[in-house]
């Protein structure tokens, strides 16, 4: 006799939520720790400048790095930095109050880049590109002044995939957003501790932690951005085919240059037959069009029948 499942009551919900949040916390902290180890992001004696925008990602990054700082067997410093770009309506008191509350050293840099962007970019045009370049240059300067050895940015897994798709669709390049790189001025190491973390997990974590979120569209709505379109496409794919986005992300760490077309990465012009079997030869998905698909017996019989007819 089947037992009737006990319905969840209101009293059960806090306990269930507690378990879910505990799992979420462990997963995010594990992923940030793993990314740091995999790419050697933070080392003994580092002074990490944590760039704070006031969004869910940067709050989460600082929160998790503060926790990892307590658990890590080696010593490193954290300093939070926010760039006040003088966008209309920017609540300049929010971040200082929060940062004082968590007890982390911080620096607020005030530069009116908003006025520059509005003067240079015509109305109706996307402002994010110029704004980002101005912000990057200022943050590099601040990192030098503070003596920071690493600059931590809050880009997550989905940001990395969106960048890959944007470069493919609009730039004709297979280029993503690396977890660790040397800055374009050659003077700084930039790290992305949230590289393994899904945006949906950060949304849930931020809601639980109740960060004082500052809107990112103070300079005007940018709903038509290519990145917004890429984000929606990834969300649609994940909803229709759970696991697809994770597989795409894993693929960025499993690249086979001989099966791409970049002549700088593989000596295509020098390839000759060797007479020796190569297990990584001309196979892509020869076995199945869909790697997880297993043909049914009816499909197998149909293929055999078609083969006999052609013979």
Protein backbone atom coordinates (compact mmCIF):
# COMPACT_ATOMS: atom_id res chain seq x y z
CA UNK A 1 0.00 0.00 0.00
CA UNK A 2 1.43 3.35 -1.06
CA UNK A 3 1.86 5.93 1.67
CA UNK A 4 0.26 9.30 1.15
CA UNK A 5 3.00 11.97 1.20
CA UNK A 6 2.76 14.38 4.09
CA UNK A 7 2.01 17.88 2.78
CA UNK A 8 4.48 20.63 3.57
CA UNK A 9 3.13 22.98 6.21
CA UNK A 10 4.05 26.59 6.84
CA UNK A 11 6.03 25.46 9.88
CA UNK A 12 8.16 23.18 7.71
CA UNK A 13 9.15 25.90 5.25
CA UNK A 14 11.84 27.65 7.36
CA UNK A 15 13.59 24.31 7.97
CA UNK A 16 13.42 23.42 4.28
CA UNK A 17 14.73 26.85 3.35
CA UNK A 18 17.55 26.48 5.86
CA UNK A 19 18.65 23.21 4.23
CA UNK A 20 18.49 24.71 0.73
CA UNK A 21 20.45 27.80 1.75
CA UNK A 22 23.05 25.63 3.48
CA UNK A 23 23.54 23.64 0.27
CA UNK A 24 23.67 26.84 -1.76
CA UNK A 25 26.26 28.37 0.55
CA UNK A 26 28.46 25.27 0.44
CA UNK A 27 28.23 25.08 -3.35
CA UNK A 28 29.13 28.74 -3.95
CA UNK A 29 32.00 28.72 -1.45
CA UNK A 30 33.30 25.46 -2.91
CA UNK A 31 33.16 26.81 -6.46
CA UNK A 32 34.96 30.05 -5.55
CA UNK A 33 37.60 28.10 -3.63
CA UNK A 34 38.03 25.65 -6.52
CA UNK A 35 38.39 28.43 -9.09
CA UNK A 36 41.00 30.10 -6.91
CA UNK A 37 42.98 26.86 -6.70
CA UNK A 38 42.57 25.91 -10.37
CA UNK A 39 43.87 29.26 -11.60
CA UNK A 40 46.09 30.19 -8.63
CA UNK A 41 44.06 33.37 -8.18
CA UNK A 42 45.05 34.34 -4.63
CA UNK A 43 48.47 33.71 -3.11
CA UNK A 44 50.28 34.26 0.17
CA UNK A 45 50.68 37.95 0.92
CA UNK A 46 48.33 39.17 -1.82
CA UNK A 47 46.41 42.39 -1.41
CA UNK A 48 43.20 41.84 -3.36
CA UNK A 49 41.28 44.88 -4.53
CA UNK A 50 37.63 43.81 -4.65
CA UNK A 51 35.76 45.98 -7.16
CA UNK A 52 32.32 46.86 -5.81
CA UNK A 53 29.57 48.08 -8.11
CA UNK A 54 26.72 47.67 -5.65
CA UNK A 55 25.20 44.79 -7.60
CA UNK A 56 24.49 41.24 -6.43
CA UNK A 57 27.67 39.84 -7.98
CA UNK A 58 30.18 42.16 -6.31
CA UNK A 59 28.40 41.91 -2.92
CA UNK A 60 28.50 38.11 -3.17
CA UNK A 61 32.14 38.12 -4.24
CA UNK A 62 33.20 40.22 -1.26
CA UNK A 63 31.02 38.20 1.12
CA UNK A 64 32.52 34.88 0.02
CA UNK A 65 36.11 36.16 -0.11
CA UNK A 66 35.76 37.44 3.45
CA UNK A 67 34.62 33.97 4.54
CA UNK A 68 37.42 32.25 2.63
CA UNK A 69 39.95 34.68 4.11
CA UNK A 70 39.11 33.27 7.56
CA UNK A 71 39.49 29.65 6.43
CA UNK A 72 42.48 29.85 4.09
CA UNK A 73 45.73 28.57 5.60
CA UNK A 74 47.70 31.48 4.15
CA UNK A 75 47.38 35.22 4.71
CA UNK A 76 46.00 37.73 2.21
CA UNK A 77 44.38 41.16 2.49
CA UNK A 78 41.14 42.49 1.05
CA UNK A 79 40.29 46.09 0.23
CA UNK A 80 36.93 47.00 -1.29
CA UNK A 81 36.88 49.74 -3.92
CA UNK A 82 33.89 51.50 -5.42
CA UNK A 83 34.01 53.98 -8.28
CA UNK A 84 31.34 56.66 -7.90
CA UNK A 85 30.85 57.76 -11.51
CA UNK A 86 28.32 60.45 -10.56
CA UNK A 87 25.34 58.86 -12.31
CA UNK A 88 22.15 60.75 -11.45
CA UNK A 89 20.48 59.22 -8.43
CA UNK A 90 23.47 57.16 -7.31
CA UNK A 91 23.01 56.56 -3.55
CA UNK A 92 26.55 57.34 -2.47
CA UNK A 93 25.91 56.49 1.18
CA UNK A 94 24.87 52.86 0.62
CA UNK A 95 28.21 51.17 -0.01
CA UNK A 96 30.24 53.02 2.66
CA UNK A 97 27.62 52.14 5.27
CA UNK A 98 27.59 48.49 4.21
CA UNK A 99 31.38 48.18 4.05
CA UNK A 100 31.80 49.74 7.48
CA UNK A 101 29.23 47.28 8.77
CA UNK A 102 31.14 44.22 7.52
CA UNK A 103 34.42 45.66 8.76
CA UNK A 104 36.42 45.56 5.54
CA UNK A 105 38.88 48.33 4.56
CA UNK A 106 37.50 50.28 1.62
CA UNK A 107 38.14 53.18 -0.72
CA UNK A 108 35.57 55.25 -2.63
CA UNK A 109 36.95 56.81 -5.80
CA UNK A 110 34.88 59.68 -7.21
CA UNK A 111 35.24 60.48 -10.91
CA UNK A 112 32.56 62.09 -13.06
CA UNK A 113 32.81 59.70 -16.01
CA UNK A 114 29.06 60.02 -16.52
CA UNK A 115 29.50 63.56 -17.85
CA UNK A 116 32.21 62.41 -20.25
CA UNK A 117 30.09 59.55 -21.58
CA UNK A 118 27.02 61.76 -22.08
CA UNK A 119 29.14 64.35 -23.88
CA UNK A 120 30.77 61.84 -26.24
CA UNK A 121 28.00 59.28 -26.91
CA UNK A 122 24.92 60.49 -28.84
CA UNK A 123 21.52 60.03 -27.21
CA UNK A 124 20.05 56.62 -27.85
CA UNK A 125 23.43 54.93 -28.40
CA UNK A 126 24.91 52.33 -26.08
CA UNK A 127 27.11 53.90 -23.42
CA UNK A 128 28.46 50.76 -21.74
CA UNK A 129 31.56 50.37 -23.93
CA UNK A 130 33.05 53.79 -23.24
CA UNK A 131 31.93 53.72 -19.62
CA UNK A 132 33.68 50.38 -19.13
CA UNK A 133 36.96 51.60 -20.68
CA UNK A 134 36.99 54.72 -18.51
CA UNK A 135 36.19 52.69 -15.41
CA UNK A 136 38.92 50.16 -16.17
CA UNK A 137 41.62 52.82 -16.50
CA UNK A 138 40.62 54.45 -13.22
CA UNK A 139 40.55 51.14 -11.35
CA UNK A 140 44.03 50.25 -12.62
CA UNK A 141 45.32 53.57 -11.30
CA UNK A 142 43.62 53.05 -7.94
CA UNK A 143 45.06 49.53 -7.67
CA UNK A 144 48.55 50.95 -8.13
CA UNK A 145 47.95 53.66 -5.54
CA UNK A 146 46.62 51.11 -3.01
CA UNK A 147 49.44 48.64 -3.65
CA UNK A 148 47.00 45.92 -4.71
CA UNK A 149 48.57 42.80 -6.23
CA UNK A 150 45.28 41.42 -7.62
CA UNK A 151 42.11 43.07 -8.95
CA UNK A 152 38.99 40.98 -8.35
CA UNK A 153 36.00 41.45 -10.67
CA UNK A 154 32.54 39.98 -10.08
CA UNK A 155 31.94 38.26 -13.43
CA UNK A 156 30.28 34.85 -13.09
CA UNK A 157 29.85 31.74 -15.25
CA UNK A 158 27.00 33.20 -17.29
CA UNK A 159 28.94 36.42 -17.99
CA UNK A 160 31.75 34.29 -19.40
CA UNK A 161 29.40 32.35 -21.68
CA UNK A 162 27.62 35.50 -22.80
CA UNK A 163 30.98 36.98 -23.79
CA UNK A 164 31.86 33.84 -25.75
CA UNK A 165 28.58 34.00 -27.69
CA UNK A 166 28.89 37.75 -28.31
CA UNK A 167 32.38 37.30 -29.72
CA UNK A 168 31.20 34.43 -31.92
CA UNK A 169 28.04 36.11 -33.21
CA UNK A 170 29.25 39.69 -33.55
CA UNK A 171 33.05 39.53 -33.59
CA UNK A 172 33.72 36.28 -35.50
CA UNK A 173 36.11 35.16 -32.74
CA UNK A 174 36.23 32.22 -30.34
CA UNK A 175 37.07 34.34 -27.32
CA UNK A 176 35.62 34.29 -23.85
CA UNK A 177 36.38 36.00 -20.55
CA UNK A 178 39.30 34.34 -18.75
CA UNK A 179 39.22 33.66 -14.99
CA UNK A 180 42.69 35.22 -14.69
CA UNK A 181 44.65 37.55 -16.94
CA UNK A 182 47.23 40.32 -17.03
CA UNK A 183 45.63 43.75 -17.48
CA UNK A 184 45.98 45.50 -20.83
CA UNK A 185 48.52 47.92 -19.34
CA UNK A 186 50.65 44.94 -18.33
CA UNK A 187 50.87 46.04 -14.70
CA UNK A 188 48.10 44.15 -12.91
CA UNK A 189 46.67 40.65 -12.50
CA UNK A 190 42.90 40.55 -12.83
CA UNK A 191 40.96 37.63 -11.32
CA UNK A 192 37.32 36.52 -11.49
CA UNK A 193 36.64 34.44 -8.35
CA UNK A 194 33.00 33.80 -9.36
CA UNK A 195 34.00 32.17 -12.67
CA UNK A 196 32.43 28.81 -11.74
CA UNK A 197 29.26 30.22 -10.14
CA UNK A 198 25.90 30.29 -11.94
CA UNK A 199 24.04 33.60 -11.96
CA UNK A 200 20.84 31.98 -10.66
CA UNK A 201 22.75 30.85 -7.56
CA UNK A 202 24.02 34.39 -7.02
CA UNK A 203 20.48 35.74 -7.34
CA UNK A 204 19.27 33.35 -4.64
CA UNK A 205 22.27 34.09 -2.42
CA UNK A 206 21.79 37.84 -2.72
CA UNK A 207 18.10 37.54 -1.88
CA UNK A 208 18.94 35.50 1.20
CA UNK A 209 21.70 37.86 2.33
CA UNK A 210 19.54 40.93 1.59
CA UNK A 211 22.32 43.05 0.16
CA UNK A 212 21.47 46.75 -0.36
CA UNK A 213 21.47 46.46 -4.16
CA UNK A 214 22.20 49.57 -6.23
CA UNK A 215 20.55 49.52 -9.71
CA UNK A 216 22.96 49.17 -12.64
CA UNK A 217 20.88 51.27 -15.07
CA UNK A 218 21.19 54.66 -13.40
CA UNK A 219 22.64 56.06 -16.63
CA UNK A 220 19.56 55.00 -18.57
CA UNK A 221 17.90 51.78 -19.72
CA UNK A 222 20.03 49.56 -21.97
CA UNK A 223 17.50 46.81 -22.67
CA UNK A 224 18.64 46.39 -26.28
CA UNK A 225 22.20 45.42 -25.44
CA UNK A 226 23.63 42.38 -27.19
CA UNK A 227 24.61 40.99 -23.79
CA UNK A 228 20.98 41.13 -22.66
CA UNK A 229 19.99 39.10 -25.73
CA UNK A 230 22.70 36.51 -25.03
CA UNK A 231 21.57 36.25 -21.42
CA UNK A 232 17.98 35.60 -22.44
CA UNK A 233 19.05 33.00 -25.00
CA UNK A 234 21.09 31.11 -22.40
CA UNK A 235 18.18 31.23 -19.95
CA UNK A 236 15.82 29.86 -22.63
CA UNK A 237 18.22 27.05 -23.51
CA UNK A 238 18.66 26.05 -19.87
CA UNK A 239 14.90 26.04 -19.33
CA UNK A 240 14.28 23.89 -22.41
CA UNK A 241 17.35 21.66 -22.04
CA UNK A 242 18.60 21.57 -18.41
CA UNK A 243 22.36 21.06 -18.28
CA UNK A 244 23.11 22.55 -21.69
CA UNK A 245 24.60 25.77 -20.28
CA UNK A 246 26.81 23.80 -17.89
CA UNK A 247 28.03 21.64 -20.78
CA UNK A 248 28.84 24.76 -22.82
CA UNK A 249 30.86 26.13 -19.92
CA UNK A 250 32.75 22.86 -19.43
CA UNK A 251 33.53 22.83 -23.17
CA UNK A 252 35.59 26.01 -22.71
CA UNK A 253 38.02 23.92 -20.64
CA UNK A 254 38.11 21.00 -23.11
CA UNK A 255 39.29 22.48 -26.41
CA UNK A 256 40.67 20.26 -29.21
CA UNK A 257 42.71 22.56 -31.48
CA UNK A 258 43.02 19.90 -34.19
CA UNK A 259 39.24 19.92 -34.59
CA UNK A 260 38.92 23.67 -34.92
CA UNK A 261 40.18 25.85 -37.80
CA UNK A 262 42.83 28.12 -36.28
CA UNK A 263 46.04 27.57 -38.25
CA UNK A 264 48.01 29.37 -35.52
CA UNK A 265 47.02 26.67 -33.01
CA UNK A 266 47.40 23.57 -35.16
CA UNK A 267 49.77 22.83 -38.10
CA UNK A 268 47.07 21.92 -40.64
CA UNK A 269 49.33 22.64 -43.62
CA UNK A 270 51.92 20.14 -42.39
CA UNK A 271 49.56 17.24 -41.71
CA UNK A 272 50.41 13.98 -43.54
CA UNK A 273 49.21 10.42 -43.25
CA UNK A 274 51.39 8.41 -40.87
CA UNK A 275 49.82 4.98 -41.21
CA UNK A 276 49.40 4.89 -37.44
CA UNK A 277 45.92 4.80 -35.91
CA UNK A 278 45.01 7.98 -34.01
CA UNK A 279 42.14 7.70 -31.48
CA UNK A 280 41.57 11.45 -31.73
CA UNK A 281 41.48 11.42 -35.51
CA UNK A 282 38.46 12.47 -37.60
CA UNK A 283 35.79 11.73 -35.00
CA UNK A 284 33.46 14.41 -33.78
CA UNK A 285 30.00 13.02 -33.10
CA UNK A 286 30.18 10.16 -35.61
CA UNK A 287 28.61 7.77 -33.11
CA UNK A 288 25.53 9.91 -32.42
CA UNK A 289 24.21 13.22 -33.63
CA UNK A 290 23.29 13.77 -30.00
CA UNK A 291 25.90 12.38 -27.61
CA UNK A 292 23.34 11.25 -25.03
CA UNK A 293 20.94 9.67 -27.53
CA UNK A 294 20.70 5.88 -27.66
CA UNK A 295 18.95 4.44 -30.75
CA UNK A 296 15.92 2.31 -30.08
CA UNK A 297 15.68 -1.23 -31.47
CA UNK A 298 13.12 0.01 -34.02
CA UNK A 299 15.53 2.69 -35.23
CA UNK A 300 18.33 0.13 -35.48
CA UNK A 301 16.14 -2.22 -37.55
CA UNK A 302 15.18 0.68 -39.82
CA UNK A 303 18.85 1.47 -40.49
CA UNK A 304 19.61 -2.22 -41.24
CA UNK A 305 16.64 -2.37 -43.61
CA UNK A 306 17.72 0.78 -45.47
CA UNK A 307 21.26 -0.60 -45.77
CA UNK A 308 20.01 -3.86 -47.26
CA UNK A 309 17.83 -2.00 -49.75
CA UNK A 310 20.76 0.13 -50.89
CA UNK A 311 22.86 -3.00 -51.35
